Amino acid sequence: MEEFSFYALWAALGIFMLIYYLRRKHTIRSILWGTLTGLTGLILLHYFGGIISFSPELNLFNIAQAGILGIPGVVLMVIIHFVL
């Protein structure tokens, strides 16, 4: 049940971001900017995360999360790490 809830949460967040991007005036530019900033934030957190004692791996799940959700996804990753 926990695994289903986990994937349901990420799917809901992905759908929310898709709706957000589709409502923007410049849809493609918004998607590219959100993806670029999310991936940049993930890479910076990977290399300099030792400062806050959290350096996530660059695996497919983390890259997809940062690419789809952008900076909010990276921030959510950090919050979940320290709360759980």
PDB file of N, CA and C in Angstrom:
ATOM      1  N   MET A   1       0.813  -1.197   0.000  1.00  0.00           N
ATOM      2  CA  MET A   1       0.000   0.000   0.000  1.00  0.00           C
ATOM      3  C   MET A   1       0.861   1.267   0.000  1.00  0.00           C
ATOM      4  N   GLU A   2       1.992   1.218   0.732  1.00  0.00           N
ATOM      5  CA  GLU A   2       2.863   2.384   0.763  1.00  0.00           C
ATOM      6  C   GLU A   2       3.453   2.673  -0.607  1.00  0.00           C
ATOM      7  N   GLU A   3       3.797   1.619  -1.332  1.00  0.00           N
ATOM      8  CA  GLU A   3       4.380   1.806  -2.653  1.00  0.00           C
ATOM      9  C   GLU A   3       3.370   2.441  -3.603  1.00  0.00           C
ATOM     10  N   PHE A   4       2.110   1.998  -3.528  1.00  0.00           N
ATOM     11  CA  PHE A   4       1.065   2.578  -4.361  1.00  0.00           C
ATOM     12  C   PHE A   4       0.870   4.056  -4.023  1.00  0.00           C
ATOM     13  N   SER A   5       0.848   4.383  -2.740  1.00  0.00           N
ATOM     14  CA  SER A   5       0.675   5.778  -2.315  1.00  0.00           C
ATOM     15  C   SER A   5       1.835   6.636  -2.798  1.00  0.00           C
ATOM     16  N   PHE A   6       3.034   6.080  -2.747  1.00  0.00           N
ATOM     17  CA  PHE A   6       4.220   6.793  -3.190  1.00  0.00           C
ATOM     18  C   PHE A   6       4.120   7.163  -4.668  1.00  0.00           C
ATOM     19  N   TYR A   7       3.800   6.171  -5.497  1.00  0.00           N
ATOM     20  CA  TYR A   7       3.711   6.428  -6.932  1.00  0.00           C
ATOM     21  C   TYR A   7       2.489   7.266  -7.281  1.00  0.00           C
ATOM     22  N   ALA A   8       1.403   7.129  -6.530  1.00  0.00           N
ATOM     23  CA  ALA A   8       0.216   7.951  -6.769  1.00  0.00           C
ATOM     24  C   ALA A   8       0.509   9.416  -6.481  1.00  0.00           C
ATOM     25  N   LEU A   9       1.275   9.679  -5.428  1.00  0.00           N
ATOM     26  CA  LEU A   9       1.647  11.054  -5.103  1.00  0.00           C
ATOM     27  C   LEU A   9       2.479  11.672  -6.221  1.00  0.00           C
ATOM     28  N   TRP A  10       3.489  10.945  -6.709  1.00  0.00           N
ATOM     29  CA  TRP A  10       4.344  11.488  -7.769  1.00  0.00           C
ATOM     30  C   TRP A  10       3.575  11.641  -9.076  1.00  0.00           C
ATOM     31  N   ALA A  11       2.650  10.729  -9.361  1.00  0.00           N
ATOM     32  CA  ALA A  11       1.830  10.857 -10.570  1.00  0.00           C
ATOM     33  C   ALA A  11       0.932  12.085 -10.472  1.00  0.00           C
ATOM     34  N   ALA A  12       0.353  12.324  -9.310  1.00  0.00           N
ATOM     35  CA  ALA A  12      -0.505  13.495  -9.119  1.00  0.00           C
ATOM     36  C   ALA A  12       0.299  14.780  -9.268  1.00  0.00           C
ATOM     37  N   LEU A  13       1.505  14.800  -8.721  1.00  0.00           N
ATOM     38  CA  LEU A  13       2.362  15.979  -8.869  1.00  0.00           C
ATOM     39  C   LEU A  13       2.757  16.200 -10.329  1.00  0.00           C
ATOM     40  N   GLY A  14       3.030  15.124 -11.045  1.00  0.00           N
ATOM     41  CA  GLY A  14       3.361  15.239 -12.465  1.00  0.00           C
ATOM     42  C   GLY A  14       2.203  15.785 -13.279  1.00  0.00           C
ATOM     43  N   ILE A  15       1.000  15.331 -12.986  1.00  0.00           N
ATOM     44  CA  ILE A  15      -0.188  15.834 -13.683  1.00  0.00           C
ATOM     45  C   ILE A  15      -0.415  17.307 -13.354  1.00  0.00           C
ATOM     46  N   PHE A  16      -0.216  17.667 -12.078  1.00  0.00           N
ATOM     47  CA  PHE A  16      -0.343  19.066 -11.679  1.00  0.00           C
ATOM     48  C   PHE A  16       0.625  19.953 -12.452  1.00  0.00           C
ATOM     49  N   MET A  17       1.886  19.514 -12.579  1.00  0.00           N
ATOM     50  CA  MET A  17       2.866  20.316 -13.313  1.00  0.00           C
ATOM     51  C   MET A  17       2.531  20.391 -14.798  1.00  0.00           C
ATOM     52  N   LEU A  18       2.013  19.306 -15.360  1.00  0.00           N
ATOM     53  CA  LEU A  18       1.608  19.328 -16.761  1.00  0.00           C
ATOM     54  C   LEU A  18       0.502  20.350 -16.985  1.00  0.00           C
ATOM     55  N   ILE A  19      -0.490  20.365 -16.115  1.00  0.00           N
ATOM     56  CA  ILE A  19      -1.573  21.345 -16.217  1.00  0.00           C
ATOM     57  C   ILE A  19      -1.024  22.751 -16.054  1.00  0.00           C
ATOM     58  N   TYR A  20      -0.096  22.930 -15.102  1.00  0.00           N
ATOM     59  CA  TYR A  20       0.512  24.241 -14.891  1.00  0.00           C
ATOM     60  C   TYR A  20       1.233  24.719 -16.154  1.00  0.00           C
ATOM     61  N   TYR A  21       2.037  23.834 -16.751  1.00  0.00           N
ATOM     62  CA  TYR A  21       2.779  24.215 -17.949  1.00  0.00           C
ATOM     63  C   TYR A  21       1.843  24.498 -19.123  1.00  0.00           C
ATOM     64  N   LEU A  22       0.771  23.741 -19.272  1.00  0.00           N
ATOM     65  CA  LEU A  22      -0.144  23.945 -20.393  1.00  0.00           C
ATOM     66  C   LEU A  22      -0.934  25.240 -20.274  1.00  0.00           C
ATOM     67  N   ARG A  23      -1.093  25.759 -19.078  1.00  0.00           N
ATOM     68  CA  ARG A  23      -1.814  27.019 -18.884  1.00  0.00           C
ATOM     69  C   ARG A  23      -0.937  28.246 -19.095  1.00  0.00           C
ATOM     70  N   ARG A  24       0.349  28.053 -19.206  1.00  0.00           N
ATOM     71  CA  ARG A  24       1.267  29.179 -19.396  1.00  0.00           C
ATOM     72  C   ARG A  24       1.150  29.719 -20.809  1.00  0.00           C
ATOM     73  N   LYS A  25       1.480  30.993 -20.972  1.00  0.00           N
ATOM     74  CA  LYS A  25       1.394  31.637 -22.287  1.00  0.00           C
ATOM     75  C   LYS A  25       2.404  31.024 -23.256  1.00  0.00           C
ATOM     76  N   HIS A  26       3.621  30.832 -22.794  1.00  0.00           N
ATOM     77  CA  HIS A  26       4.679  30.226 -23.615  1.00  0.00           C
ATOM     78  C   HIS A  26       4.941  28.823 -23.076  1.00  0.00           C
ATOM     79  N   THR A  27       4.157  27.874 -23.528  1.00  0.00           N
ATOM     80  CA  THR A  27       4.169  26.523 -22.976  1.00  0.00           C
ATOM     81  C   THR A  27       5.527  25.847 -23.112  1.00  0.00           C
ATOM     82  N   ILE A  28       6.069  25.826 -24.303  1.00  0.00           N
ATOM     83  CA  ILE A  28       7.337  25.123 -24.546  1.00  0.00           C
ATOM     84  C   ILE A  28       8.468  25.781 -23.767  1.00  0.00           C
ATOM     85  N   ARG A  29       8.512  27.094 -23.776  1.00  0.00           N
ATOM     86  CA  ARG A  29       9.551  27.804 -23.045  1.00  0.00           C
ATOM     87  C   ARG A  29       9.448  27.518 -21.548  1.00  0.00           C
ATOM     88  N   SER A  30       8.238  27.459 -21.020  1.00  0.00           N
ATOM     89  CA  SER A  30       8.033  27.166 -19.601  1.00  0.00           C
ATOM     90  C   SER A  30       8.494  25.755 -19.261  1.00  0.00           C
ATOM     91  N   ILE A  31       8.159  24.798 -20.110  1.00  0.00           N
ATOM     92  CA  ILE A  31       8.575  23.415 -19.873  1.00  0.00           C
ATOM     93  C   ILE A  31      10.101  23.316 -19.905  1.00  0.00           C
ATOM     94  N   LEU A  32      10.722  23.912 -20.900  1.00  0.00           N
ATOM     95  CA  LEU A  32      12.182  23.852 -21.012  1.00  0.00           C
ATOM     96  C   LEU A  32      12.861  24.551 -19.835  1.00  0.00           C
ATOM     97  N   TRP A  33      12.335  25.703 -19.424  1.00  0.00           N
ATOM     98  CA  TRP A  33      12.925  26.443 -18.314  1.00  0.00           C
ATOM     99  C   TRP A  33      12.765  25.664 -17.000  1.00  0.00           C
ATOM    100  N   GLY A  34      11.598  25.096 -16.769  1.00  0.00           N
ATOM    101  CA  GLY A  34      11.366  24.297 -15.561  1.00  0.00           C
ATOM    102  C   GLY A  34      12.259  23.075 -15.512  1.00  0.00           C
ATOM    103  N   THR A  35      12.410  22.405 -16.648  1.00  0.00           N
ATOM    104  CA  THR A  35      13.276  21.234 -16.713  1.00  0.00           C
ATOM    105  C   THR A  35      14.736  21.623 -16.502  1.00  0.00           C
ATOM    106  N   LEU A  36      15.168  22.674 -17.155  1.00  0.00           N
ATOM    107  CA  LEU A  36      16.561  23.119 -17.030  1.00  0.00           C
ATOM    108  C   LEU A  36      16.893  23.524 -15.602  1.00  0.00           C
ATOM    109  N   THR A  37      16.031  24.296 -14.963  1.00  0.00           N
ATOM    110  CA  THR A  37      16.315  24.727 -13.596  1.00  0.00           C
ATOM    111  C   THR A  37      16.267  23.547 -12.624  1.00  0.00           C
ATOM    112  N   GLY A  38      15.351  22.615 -12.834  1.00  0.00           N
ATOM    113  CA  GLY A  38      15.278  21.442 -11.967  1.00  0.00           C
ATOM    114  C   GLY A  38      16.511  20.566 -12.073  1.00  0.00           C
ATOM    115  N   LEU A  39      16.950  20.307 -13.300  1.00  0.00           N
ATOM    116  CA  LEU A  39      18.148  19.481 -13.489  1.00  0.00           C
ATOM    117  C   LEU A  39      19.397  20.180 -12.974  1.00  0.00           C
ATOM    118  N   THR A  40      19.469  21.492 -13.163  1.00  0.00           N
ATOM    119  CA  THR A  40      20.604  22.252 -12.639  1.00  0.00           C
ATOM    120  C   THR A  40      20.622  22.202 -11.115  1.00  0.00           C
ATOM    121  N   GLY A  41      19.449  22.360 -10.508  1.00  0.00           N
ATOM    122  CA  GLY A  41      19.365  22.274  -9.049  1.00  0.00           C
ATOM    123  C   GLY A  41      19.768  20.909  -8.534  1.00  0.00           C
ATOM    124  N   LEU A  42      19.353  19.850  -9.236  1.00  0.00           N
ATOM    125  CA  LEU A  42      19.723  18.492  -8.832  1.00  0.00           C
ATOM    126  C   LEU A  42      21.226  18.272  -8.944  1.00  0.00           C
ATOM    127  N   ILE A  43      21.825  18.729 -10.021  1.00  0.00           N
ATOM    128  CA  ILE A  43      23.272  18.558 -10.200  1.00  0.00           C
ATOM    129  C   ILE A  43      24.040  19.350  -9.145  1.00  0.00           C
ATOM    130  N   LEU A  44      23.600  20.582  -8.870  1.00  0.00           N
ATOM    131  CA  LEU A  44      24.257  21.366  -7.824  1.00  0.00           C
ATOM    132  C   LEU A  44      24.110  20.701  -6.462  1.00  0.00           C
ATOM    133  N   LEU A  45      22.924  20.170  -6.188  1.00  0.00           N
ATOM    134  CA  LEU A  45      22.708  19.479  -4.921  1.00  0.00           C
ATOM    135  C   LEU A  45      23.552  18.209  -4.845  1.00  0.00           C
ATOM    136  N   HIS A  46      23.730  17.525  -5.962  1.00  0.00           N
ATOM    137  CA  HIS A  46      24.552  16.309  -5.982  1.00  0.00           C
ATOM    138  C   HIS A  46      26.009  16.628  -5.649  1.00  0.00           C
ATOM    139  N   TYR A  47      26.544  17.682  -6.238  1.00  0.00           N
ATOM    140  CA  TYR A  47      27.953  17.996  -6.033  1.00  0.00           C
ATOM    141  C   TYR A  47      28.232  18.786  -4.765  1.00  0.00           C
ATOM    142  N   PHE A  48      27.306  19.661  -4.362  1.00  0.00           N
ATOM    143  CA  PHE A  48      27.544  20.512  -3.197  1.00  0.00           C
ATOM    144  C   PHE A  48      26.618  20.192  -2.027  1.00  0.00           C
ATOM    145  N   GLY A  49      25.922  19.075  -2.087  1.00  0.00           N
ATOM    146  CA  GLY A  49      24.989  18.702  -1.037  1.00  0.00           C
ATOM    147  C   GLY A  49      25.648  18.277   0.256  1.00  0.00           C
ATOM    148  N   GLY A  50      26.935  18.044   0.222  1.00  0.00           N
ATOM    149  CA  GLY A  50      27.646  17.686   1.443  1.00  0.00           C
ATOM    150  C   GLY A  50      27.577  18.781   2.499  1.00  0.00           C
ATOM    151  N   ILE A  51      27.349  19.995   2.060  1.00  0.00           N
ATOM    152  CA  ILE A  51      27.242  21.118   2.991  1.00  0.00           C
ATOM    153  C   ILE A  51      26.040  20.937   3.909  1.00  0.00           C
ATOM    154  N   ILE A  52      24.943  20.385   3.388  1.00  0.00           N
ATOM    155  CA  ILE A  52      23.745  20.167   4.200  1.00  0.00           C
ATOM    156  C   ILE A  52      23.568  18.680   4.530  1.00  0.00           C
ATOM    157  N   SER A  53      24.577  17.895   4.297  1.00  0.00           N
ATOM    158  CA  SER A  53      24.579  16.443   4.584  1.00  0.00           C
ATOM    159  C   SER A  53      23.564  15.660   3.771  1.00  0.00           C
ATOM    160  N   PHE A  54      23.319  16.080   2.558  1.00  0.00           N
ATOM    161  CA  PHE A  54      22.433  15.342   1.662  1.00  0.00           C
ATOM    162  C   PHE A  54      22.917  15.534   0.234  1.00  0.00           C
ATOM    163  N   SER A  55      23.379  14.448  -0.360  1.00  0.00           N
ATOM    164  CA  SER A  55      23.852  14.478  -1.732  1.00  0.00           C
ATOM    165  C   SER A  55      23.162  13.347  -2.498  1.00  0.00           C
ATOM    166  N   PRO A  56      22.043  13.647  -3.183  1.00  0.00           N
ATOM    167  CA  PRO A  56      21.295  12.582  -3.853  1.00  0.00           C
ATOM    168  C   PRO A  56      22.057  12.007  -5.035  1.00  0.00           C
ATOM    169  N   GLU A  57      21.794  10.740  -5.309  1.00  0.00           N
ATOM    170  CA  GLU A  57      22.394  10.095  -6.464  1.00  0.00           C
ATOM    171  C   GLU A  57      21.748  10.620  -7.740  1.00  0.00           C
ATOM    172  N   LEU A  58      22.485  10.543  -8.820  1.00  0.00           N
ATOM    173  CA  LEU A  58      21.944  10.926 -10.119  1.00  0.00           C
ATOM    174  C   LEU A  58      21.421   9.672 -10.806  1.00  0.00           C
ATOM    175  N   ASN A  59      20.274   9.183 -10.358  1.00  0.00           N
ATOM    176  CA  ASN A  59      19.660   8.017 -10.979  1.00  0.00           C
ATOM    177  C   ASN A  59      18.440   8.449 -11.782  1.00  0.00           C
ATOM    178  N   LEU A  60      17.819   7.505 -12.454  1.00  0.00           N
ATOM    179  CA  LEU A  60      16.713   7.820 -13.354  1.00  0.00           C
ATOM    180  C   LEU A  60      15.539   8.461 -12.615  1.00  0.00           C
ATOM    181  N   PHE A  61      15.211   7.961 -11.429  1.00  0.00           N
ATOM    182  CA  PHE A  61      14.081   8.510 -10.686  1.00  0.00           C
ATOM    183  C   PHE A  61      14.332   9.958 -10.279  1.00  0.00           C
ATOM    184  N   ASN A  62      15.504  10.257  -9.749  1.00  0.00           N
ATOM    185  CA  ASN A  62      15.805  11.622  -9.317  1.00  0.00           C
ATOM    186  C   ASN A  62      15.877  12.580 -10.501  1.00  0.00           C
ATOM    187  N   ILE A  63      16.427  12.127 -11.602  1.00  0.00           N
ATOM    188  CA  ILE A  63      16.501  12.975 -12.792  1.00  0.00           C
ATOM    189  C   ILE A  63      15.096  13.246 -13.344  1.00  0.00           C
ATOM    190  N   ALA A  64      14.243  12.217 -13.374  1.00  0.00           N
ATOM    191  CA  ALA A  64      12.868  12.410 -13.847  1.00  0.00           C
ATOM    192  C   ALA A  64      12.111  13.347 -12.918  1.00  0.00           C
ATOM    193  N   GLN A  65      12.306  13.193 -11.619  1.00  0.00           N
ATOM    194  CA  GLN A  65      11.635  14.056 -10.656  1.00  0.00           C
ATOM    195  C   GLN A  65      12.055  15.505 -10.848  1.00  0.00           C
ATOM    196  N   ALA A  66      13.341  15.750 -10.965  1.00  0.00           N
ATOM    197  CA  ALA A  66      13.826  17.114 -11.144  1.00  0.00           C
ATOM    198  C   ALA A  66      13.426  17.661 -12.510  1.00  0.00           C
ATOM    199  N   GLY A  67      13.393  16.808 -13.524  1.00  0.00           N
ATOM    200  CA  GLY A  67      13.022  17.269 -14.864  1.00  0.00           C
ATOM    201  C   GLY A  67      11.550  17.598 -14.988  1.00  0.00           C
ATOM    202  N   ILE A  68      10.694  16.822 -14.348  1.00  0.00           N
ATOM    203  CA  ILE A  68       9.257  17.047 -14.463  1.00  0.00           C
ATOM    204  C   ILE A  68       8.780  18.121 -13.493  1.00  0.00           C
ATOM    205  N   LEU A  69       9.231  18.037 -12.247  1.00  0.00           N
ATOM    206  CA  LEU A  69       8.734  18.967 -11.235  1.00  0.00           C
ATOM    207  C   LEU A  69       9.575  20.230 -11.110  1.00  0.00           C
ATOM    208  N   GLY A  70      10.789  20.225 -11.636  1.00  0.00           N
ATOM    209  CA  GLY A  70      11.639  21.407 -11.570  1.00  0.00           C
ATOM    210  C   GLY A  70      12.220  21.619 -10.183  1.00  0.00           C
ATOM    211  N   ILE A  71      12.459  22.867  -9.846  1.00  0.00           N
ATOM    212  CA  ILE A  71      13.012  23.217  -8.537  1.00  0.00           C
ATOM    213  C   ILE A  71      12.109  22.759  -7.395  1.00  0.00           C
ATOM    214  N   PRO A  72      10.773  22.876  -7.502  1.00  0.00           N
ATOM    215  CA  PRO A  72       9.947  22.347  -6.414  1.00  0.00           C
ATOM    216  C   PRO A  72      10.178  20.855  -6.162  1.00  0.00           C
ATOM    217  N   GLY A  73      10.488  20.098  -7.190  1.00  0.00           N
ATOM    218  CA  GLY A  73      10.782  18.681  -7.018  1.00  0.00           C
ATOM    219  C   GLY A  73      12.072  18.452  -6.263  1.00  0.00           C
ATOM    220  N   VAL A  74      13.067  19.278  -6.528  1.00  0.00           N
ATOM    221  CA  VAL A  74      14.349  19.154  -5.831  1.00  0.00           C
ATOM    222  C   VAL A  74      14.179  19.564  -4.364  1.00  0.00           C
ATOM    223  N   VAL A  75      13.443  20.633  -4.130  1.00  0.00           N
ATOM    224  CA  VAL A  75      13.186  21.068  -2.755  1.00  0.00           C
ATOM    225  C   VAL A  75      12.394  19.995  -2.008  1.00  0.00           C
ATOM    226  N   LEU A  76      11.403  19.397  -2.670  1.00  0.00           N
ATOM    227  CA  LEU A  76      10.620  18.334  -2.059  1.00  0.00           C
ATOM    228  C   LEU A  76      11.497  17.134  -1.730  1.00  0.00           C
ATOM    229  N   MET A  77      12.470  16.846  -2.584  1.00  0.00           N
ATOM    230  CA  MET A  77      13.403  15.750  -2.340  1.00  0.00           C
ATOM    231  C   MET A  77      14.196  16.002  -1.060  1.00  0.00           C
ATOM    232  N   VAL A  78      14.647  17.225  -0.867  1.00  0.00           N
ATOM    233  CA  VAL A  78      15.422  17.571   0.334  1.00  0.00           C
ATOM    234  C   VAL A  78      14.533  17.490   1.571  1.00  0.00           C
ATOM    235  N   ILE A  79      13.325  18.028   1.477  1.00  0.00           N
ATOM    236  CA  ILE A  79      12.407  18.005   2.629  1.00  0.00           C
ATOM    237  C   ILE A  79      12.073  16.577   3.027  1.00  0.00           C
ATOM    238  N   ILE A  80      11.773  15.743   2.043  1.00  0.00           N
ATOM    239  CA  ILE A  80      11.443  14.345   2.350  1.00  0.00           C
ATOM    240  C   ILE A  80      12.629  13.638   2.985  1.00  0.00           C
ATOM    241  N   HIS A  81      13.831  13.943   2.530  1.00  0.00           N
ATOM    242  CA  HIS A  81      15.023  13.318   3.117  1.00  0.00           C
ATOM    243  C   HIS A  81      15.147  13.651   4.596  1.00  0.00           C
ATOM    244  N   PHE A  82      14.942  14.906   4.965  1.00  0.00           N
ATOM    245  CA  PHE A  82      15.134  15.300   6.353  1.00  0.00           C
ATOM    246  C   PHE A  82      13.935  14.987   7.241  1.00  0.00           C
ATOM    247  N   VAL A  83      12.741  14.866   6.674  1.00  0.00           N
ATOM    248  CA  VAL A  83      11.566  14.539   7.478  1.00  0.00           C
ATOM    249  C   VAL A  83      11.478  13.034   7.703  1.00  0.00           C
ATOM    250  N   LEU A  84      11.742  12.252   6.667  1.00  0.00           N
ATOM    251  CA  LEU A  84      11.674  10.802   6.804  1.00  0.00           C
ATOM    252  C   LEU A  84      13.032  10.308   7.176  1.00  0.00           C
TER     253      LEU A  84
END
